Protein backbone atom coordinates (compact mmCIF):
# COMPACT_ATOMS: atom_id res chain seq x y z
CA MET A 1 -47.68 33.47 -31.01
CA LYS A 2 -51.16 32.12 -31.61
CA ILE A 3 -51.58 28.97 -33.69
CA ALA A 4 -54.31 29.64 -36.21
CA THR A 5 -56.67 26.95 -37.36
CA SER A 6 -58.31 26.61 -40.75
CA PRO A 7 -61.29 24.68 -42.12
CA GLN A 8 -60.97 20.94 -42.56
CA VAL A 9 -61.95 19.04 -45.73
CA LEU A 10 -63.21 15.57 -45.01
CA TYR A 11 -63.35 12.84 -47.68
CA TYR A 12 -65.12 9.54 -48.24
CA HIS A 13 -65.39 6.99 -51.07
CA ILE A 14 -68.36 4.89 -50.05
CA VAL A 15 -71.21 5.61 -47.63
CA ALA A 16 -73.52 2.62 -47.82
CA ASP A 17 -74.67 -0.40 -45.83
CA LYS A 18 -73.46 -2.78 -48.57
CA PHE A 19 -70.08 -2.00 -50.21
CA PRO A 20 -69.78 -2.85 -53.97
CA ASP A 21 -67.13 -5.37 -55.01
CA ILE A 22 -65.54 -2.72 -57.22
CA TYR A 23 -64.61 -0.79 -54.07
CA PRO A 24 -65.22 -2.87 -50.90
CA HIS A 25 -64.25 -0.21 -48.38
CA GLY A 26 -66.11 2.62 -46.80
CA ILE A 27 -68.42 3.56 -43.93
CA SER A 28 -71.97 2.54 -43.10
CA VAL A 29 -74.87 5.01 -43.49
CA SER A 30 -75.59 4.89 -39.76
CA ASN A 31 -71.97 5.58 -38.74
CA PHE A 32 -71.69 8.36 -41.27
CA PHE A 33 -74.68 10.24 -39.86
CA LYS A 34 -73.41 9.55 -36.30
CA GLN A 35 -70.21 11.34 -37.35
CA LEU A 36 -72.14 14.33 -38.61
CA LYS A 37 -74.33 14.59 -35.54
CA GLN A 38 -71.37 14.33 -33.20
CA LEU A 39 -69.44 16.94 -35.15
CA GLN A 40 -72.44 19.30 -35.07
CA ARG A 41 -72.90 18.71 -31.32
CA GLN A 42 -69.28 19.74 -30.87
CA GLY A 43 -69.93 23.03 -32.62
CA TYR A 44 -68.70 22.28 -36.14
CA SER A 45 -70.50 23.76 -39.10
CA ILE A 46 -70.61 22.00 -42.50
CA ARG A 47 -70.02 24.30 -45.49
CA SER A 48 -69.57 23.83 -49.23
CA LEU A 49 -66.02 23.94 -50.68
CA THR A 50 -67.10 26.93 -52.75
CA GLU A 51 -68.22 28.79 -49.61
CA ILE A 52 -64.95 28.08 -47.81
CA LEU A 53 -62.62 28.85 -50.71
CA SER A 54 -64.42 32.00 -51.83
CA ALA A 55 -64.14 33.75 -48.47
CA PRO A 56 -60.50 33.66 -47.22
CA GLY A 57 -60.15 34.22 -43.53
CA ARG A 58 -63.92 34.04 -42.80
CA PHE A 59 -63.92 30.45 -41.63
CA SER A 60 -62.04 28.64 -38.84
CA GLY A 61 -61.17 25.15 -37.65
CA LYS A 62 -64.80 24.75 -36.64
CA ASP A 63 -65.87 24.79 -40.30
CA LEU A 64 -65.85 21.59 -42.40
CA ALA A 65 -66.50 20.57 -46.05
CA LEU A 66 -67.62 17.10 -47.17
CA THR A 67 -66.13 15.52 -50.31
CA PHE A 68 -66.65 12.20 -52.02
CA ASP A 69 -64.19 10.60 -54.46
CA ASP A 70 -64.61 8.56 -57.67
CA GLY A 71 -68.36 9.05 -58.27
CA PHE A 72 -69.78 5.69 -57.05
CA ALA A 73 -73.52 5.19 -57.68
CA VAL A 74 -74.03 3.60 -54.27
CA ASN A 75 -73.58 7.05 -52.71
CA TYR A 76 -76.52 8.58 -54.59
CA PRO A 77 -79.21 8.15 -51.89
CA VAL A 78 -77.01 9.61 -49.18
CA LEU A 79 -75.94 12.54 -51.39
CA MET A 80 -79.47 13.40 -52.27
CA TYR A 81 -80.52 13.15 -48.63
CA LEU A 82 -77.70 15.46 -47.59
CA ALA A 83 -78.70 17.99 -50.19
CA LYS A 84 -82.44 17.92 -49.70
CA GLU A 85 -82.90 17.13 -46.04
CA TYR A 86 -79.76 18.69 -44.51
CA ASN A 87 -79.33 21.49 -47.11
CA LEU A 88 -75.69 20.49 -47.40
CA LYS A 89 -73.60 20.73 -50.60
CA PRO A 90 -70.89 18.12 -50.64
CA THR A 91 -68.38 18.03 -53.53
CA LEU A 92 -67.95 15.00 -55.78
CA PHE A 93 -64.54 14.49 -57.33
CA LEU A 94 -65.24 12.55 -60.53
CA ILE A 95 -63.05 10.33 -62.66
CA GLY A 96 -63.74 11.45 -66.20
CA LYS A 97 -63.60 8.04 -68.01
CA CYS A 98 -65.96 6.47 -65.40
CA ILE A 99 -68.72 9.07 -65.66
CA ASP A 100 -72.01 7.49 -66.75
CA ASN A 101 -70.46 4.00 -66.63
CA GLN A 102 -68.33 4.34 -69.79
CA GLU A 103 -65.24 2.53 -68.43
CA ILE A 104 -63.83 1.13 -65.18
CA ALA A 105 -60.78 2.85 -63.62
CA TRP A 106 -57.66 0.70 -63.63
CA ASN A 107 -57.29 0.67 -59.81
CA HIS A 108 -60.94 -0.43 -59.48
CA LYS A 109 -60.23 -3.31 -61.84
CA LEU A 110 -57.45 -4.39 -59.51
CA LEU A 111 -59.86 -4.40 -56.56
CA LEU A 112 -62.52 -6.18 -58.58
CA MET A 113 -60.50 -9.04 -59.99
CA PRO A 114 -59.89 -11.02 -56.83
CA HIS A 115 -63.71 -11.34 -56.37
CA TYR A 116 -63.88 -13.48 -59.50
CA CYS A 117 -60.44 -15.07 -59.89
CA PRO A 118 -57.85 -16.54 -57.46
CA ALA A 119 -55.09 -14.10 -56.57
CA GLU A 120 -52.46 -16.63 -57.56
CA LYS A 121 -53.77 -16.82 -61.11
CA ILE A 122 -54.00 -13.00 -61.39
CA SER A 123 -50.40 -12.66 -60.17
CA ALA A 124 -49.21 -15.20 -62.67
CA VAL A 125 -50.77 -13.27 -65.55
CA ILE A 126 -49.47 -9.99 -64.23
CA ASP A 127 -45.97 -11.46 -64.18
CA LYS A 128 -46.23 -12.12 -67.93
CA TYR A 129 -46.63 -8.42 -68.62
CA VAL A 130 -44.61 -6.98 -65.78
CA PRO A 131 -41.86 -9.54 -64.92
CA GLY A 132 -41.45 -9.95 -61.16
CA ALA A 133 -44.69 -8.14 -60.30
CA ASN A 134 -47.77 -9.65 -58.69
CA LEU A 135 -51.21 -8.50 -57.53
CA LYS A 136 -49.76 -6.83 -54.42
CA THR A 137 -46.79 -5.11 -56.10
CA PHE A 138 -48.46 -4.29 -59.48
CA PHE A 139 -49.29 -0.69 -58.48
CA SER A 140 -45.69 0.24 -57.65
CA ARG A 141 -44.16 -1.70 -60.54
CA ILE A 142 -46.34 -0.54 -63.38
CA THR A 143 -45.70 2.74 -65.28
CA MET A 144 -48.53 5.18 -65.51
CA LYS A 145 -48.21 5.21 -69.36
CA THR A 146 -48.88 1.51 -69.63
CA LYS A 147 -51.26 0.91 -66.68
CA ASP A 148 -54.49 0.86 -68.68
CA GLU A 149 -53.10 -1.27 -71.53
CA ILE A 150 -51.70 -3.89 -69.20
CA ILE A 151 -54.62 -4.05 -66.73
CA ASN A 152 -56.98 -4.46 -69.74
CA ALA A 153 -54.83 -7.33 -71.03
CA VAL A 154 -54.87 -9.02 -67.63
CA TRP A 155 -58.62 -8.48 -67.33
CA LYS A 156 -59.27 -10.33 -70.59
CA GLU A 157 -57.26 -13.28 -69.41
CA VAL A 158 -58.67 -13.74 -65.91
CA MET A 159 -62.17 -12.28 -65.82
CA PRO A 160 -65.28 -14.37 -66.76
CA PHE A 161 -67.01 -11.38 -68.39
CA SER A 162 -66.11 -8.27 -70.38
CA GLU A 163 -65.75 -4.85 -68.87
CA SER A 164 -68.80 -3.59 -70.80
CA ALA A 165 -70.86 -6.51 -69.52
CA TYR A 166 -69.94 -5.69 -65.90
CA LEU A 167 -70.81 -2.01 -66.42
CA LYS A 168 -74.09 -2.81 -68.05
CA LYS A 169 -75.11 -5.21 -65.30
CA PHE A 170 -73.89 -3.45 -62.17
CA LYS A 171 -73.66 0.25 -63.16
CA PRO A 172 -71.16 1.07 -60.36
CA TYR A 173 -70.73 4.73 -61.24
CA LEU A 174 -73.15 7.59 -61.15
CA SER A 175 -75.17 7.93 -64.31
CA TYR A 176 -75.65 11.16 -66.27
CA ASN A 177 -79.23 11.41 -64.99
CA GLN A 178 -78.13 10.90 -61.36
CA LEU A 179 -75.40 13.52 -61.72
CA SER A 180 -77.84 15.97 -63.24
CA SER A 181 -80.25 15.39 -60.34
CA LEU A 182 -77.46 15.94 -57.83
CA HIS A 183 -76.39 19.11 -59.50
CA LYS A 184 -79.99 20.41 -59.31
CA ALA A 185 -80.07 19.55 -55.63
CA GLY A 186 -76.93 21.68 -55.04
CA VAL A 187 -74.16 19.07 -55.05
CA GLU A 188 -70.85 20.34 -56.49
CA PHE A 189 -68.52 18.54 -58.92
CA GLY A 190 -64.73 18.71 -59.04
CA LEU A 191 -61.92 17.05 -60.99
CA HIS A 192 -60.35 13.73 -59.95
CA SER A 193 -58.44 13.20 -63.21
CA TRP A 194 -59.37 11.20 -66.36
CA SER A 195 -57.90 7.77 -65.48
CA HIS A 196 -56.91 7.93 -61.79
CA PRO A 197 -53.04 7.81 -62.15
CA ASP A 198 -50.46 8.58 -59.53
CA PHE A 199 -49.59 12.22 -60.25
CA SER A 200 -46.32 11.98 -58.46
CA ARG A 201 -45.18 9.82 -61.33
CA LEU A 202 -46.42 11.96 -64.25
CA THR A 203 -44.77 14.50 -66.44
CA TYR A 204 -46.36 17.96 -66.73
CA LEU A 205 -47.94 17.14 -70.15
CA GLU A 206 -49.36 13.83 -68.79
CA ALA A 207 -50.75 15.60 -65.71
CA TYR A 208 -52.28 18.42 -67.82
CA THR A 209 -53.85 15.92 -70.20
CA GLU A 210 -55.46 14.03 -67.33
CA LEU A 211 -57.19 17.18 -66.03
CA ASP A 212 -58.05 18.48 -69.50
CA LEU A 213 -59.74 15.26 -70.60
CA CYS A 214 -61.75 15.13 -67.41
CA LEU A 215 -62.90 18.73 -67.74
CA GLN A 216 -63.73 18.19 -71.40
CA LYS A 217 -65.92 15.20 -70.55
CA MET A 218 -67.86 17.18 -67.95
CA GLU A 219 -68.33 20.12 -70.35
CA GLU A 220 -69.47 17.70 -73.03
CA LEU A 221 -72.18 16.46 -70.71
CA SER A 222 -73.01 19.99 -69.50
CA LEU A 223 -72.09 19.14 -65.92
CA PRO A 224 -70.89 22.34 -64.22
CA CYS A 225 -67.40 21.69 -62.81
CA LYS A 226 -65.63 23.63 -60.14
CA ARG A 227 -61.86 24.19 -60.64
CA PHE A 228 -61.11 22.01 -57.63
CA PHE A 229 -58.80 19.07 -58.16
CA ALA A 230 -58.36 16.14 -55.78
CA TYR A 231 -55.22 14.09 -56.40
CA PRO A 232 -55.83 10.36 -56.90
CA TYR A 233 -54.46 8.45 -53.85
CA GLY A 234 -53.76 11.88 -52.34
CA ARG A 235 -50.32 11.91 -54.02
CA PRO A 236 -49.48 15.34 -55.41
CA ALA A 237 -47.41 16.24 -58.42
CA SER A 238 -44.08 17.94 -57.86
CA ASP A 239 -44.28 21.56 -56.68
CA GLU A 240 -43.10 22.72 -60.16
CA ILE A 241 -45.75 20.72 -62.00
CA GLU A 242 -48.50 21.67 -59.53
CA THR A 243 -47.75 25.39 -59.87
CA LYS A 244 -48.05 25.07 -63.71
CA LEU A 245 -51.29 23.06 -63.38
CA ILE A 246 -52.85 25.63 -61.09
CA LYS A 247 -51.94 28.42 -63.52
CA ASN A 248 -52.72 26.77 -66.84
CA MET A 249 -55.85 24.86 -65.74
CA ARG A 250 -57.00 27.81 -63.66
CA LEU A 251 -57.42 25.66 -60.56
CA THR A 252 -58.86 27.25 -57.45
CA ALA A 253 -57.40 24.56 -55.20
CA THR A 254 -55.68 21.19 -55.17
CA PHE A 255 -56.27 18.54 -52.52
CA GLY A 256 -53.89 15.87 -51.21
CA ILE A 257 -53.65 14.00 -47.91
CA SER A 258 -50.09 14.87 -46.72
CA TYR A 259 -48.43 17.57 -44.64
CA LYS A 260 -46.64 20.43 -46.36
CA ILE A 261 -45.69 23.94 -45.49
CA GLY A 262 -48.57 26.31 -46.08
CA ASP A 263 -51.26 23.55 -46.26
CA ASN A 264 -54.84 24.64 -45.73
CA ARG A 265 -54.00 28.29 -45.22
CA PHE A 266 -55.16 31.29 -47.17
CA PRO A 267 -54.27 32.49 -49.71
CA TYR A 268 -52.43 29.29 -50.65
CA SER A 269 -54.18 27.00 -53.09
CA ARG A 270 -52.75 23.75 -51.73
CA TRP A 271 -55.12 21.94 -49.37
CA GLN A 272 -55.05 18.58 -47.63
CA ARG A 273 -58.07 16.33 -46.73
CA THR A 274 -58.85 14.04 -43.86
CA ASN A 275 -60.11 10.51 -44.44
CA MET A 276 -63.15 9.77 -42.28
CA GLU A 277 -64.17 6.27 -43.41
CA GLY A 278 -61.84 4.27 -41.17
CA ARG A 279 -62.43 2.93 -37.67
CA LYS A 280 -63.78 5.31 -35.06
CA LEU A 281 -60.44 5.70 -33.25
CA THR A 282 -58.52 6.17 -36.53
CA ASN A 283 -61.00 8.80 -37.69
CA ARG A 284 -60.67 10.67 -34.44
CA GLU A 285 -56.89 10.62 -34.58
CA GLN A 286 -56.91 11.84 -38.20
CA PHE A 287 -59.46 14.56 -37.45
CA LEU A 288 -57.63 15.92 -34.42
CA ILE A 289 -53.97 15.32 -35.22
CA MET A 290 -53.75 16.49 -38.88
CA PRO A 291 -54.78 20.12 -38.27
CA TRP A 292 -52.56 20.22 -35.21
CA LEU A 293 -49.53 19.15 -37.23
CA ARG A 294 -50.35 21.73 -39.89
CA SER A 295 -50.63 24.42 -37.22
CA ILE A 296 -47.22 23.45 -35.79
CA LYS A 297 -45.68 23.69 -39.24
CA ALA A 298 -47.31 27.01 -39.85
CA LEU A 299 -45.95 28.31 -36.55
CA ARG A 300 -42.41 26.90 -37.18
CA TYR A 301 -42.17 28.43 -40.65
CA ASN A 302 -43.95 31.63 -39.58
CA PHE A 303 -47.04 31.10 -41.74
CA GLN A 304 -49.84 33.27 -40.33
C-alpha cells in the first residue's frame, strides 16, 4: 500500500533582523530566504492556501503554503517583498483585537512585561490575583474567562506606561493601511481568534464568540477574510466543538500543530502546520518528520 503525501503548511511569527520585545522570537530575514531557496532547489512549489484547499487531490507533498501568525508589523517589508517580487501569496492569521493596534493580546503582555519589570515582582503581583501562580505558571493556572481582566490588572501594577501609550509609540501590529496594501498585493487573511485564548479550554459558545468577533472586526474594516482558522498555540478545541465551529462558522479549514487521524488529507478540513522559525536542525526535523508521521497514521487507519 502506497503512503500518500499531502501539501505542507508552514508557519512563522516573526521574520526580521531585529525582534520586537512584544514577541522576541522568530527567524532572520536572511535565514528565511535561505529556507525558501533551499526548498525551491529541492523541487518544492509554494502555493497560496486558497489554491491548495480549493483543488483537492491536485497537490502533493512537494507543495507548500506560507502562513504568518498574530499580524506583527515588523513582517510588513518581507510580506510585501514576497507578494511583489516573488509573486507569492502567504496567509496572515490575525488576532481581531490587535488589528490596527487597538489592544495588546494577553500572551504578548506576558512576553513584554519582563523587559520592563523584574520577573520576581511580576510573579508577586500575579500571586495576588491567582494564588500560587507566578510568571512561569500563569498560563496554565489562569482561566480563559479571566485572563484579560487579570493580566490587565497586573500590567497596571508593574508596567511604567499604559497599554495605549505602548501601542501609540511602538505600533507592534499591522495597521489598517498596511493590511489594505498587503491585500492589494495578494496576501490573504485568516482568523486567529479575537483574544488568543487556548481553545482546548473553551466552551462551544466561548469558541464561537472568539471567531465571530474576529470576523466582525475584519468585516467592519472591509478586510476580506478567508474562512481559515489557525488555533492559538496550535491547541485545538474538542472534536465535538470543532465540528460545530466548522459548520456554524462555515470554516474551510482549521489549523493546529499536532498529529491526529486524517490530518492534512482531503476532503478532511483539519490541517496541521509546521513551525519553521526554530534552529536549522529543528526545522529540518519538523519539516521531514511531521508529514511522515501523518502518512504512517493514514496508512494504519486506512486513510487514502
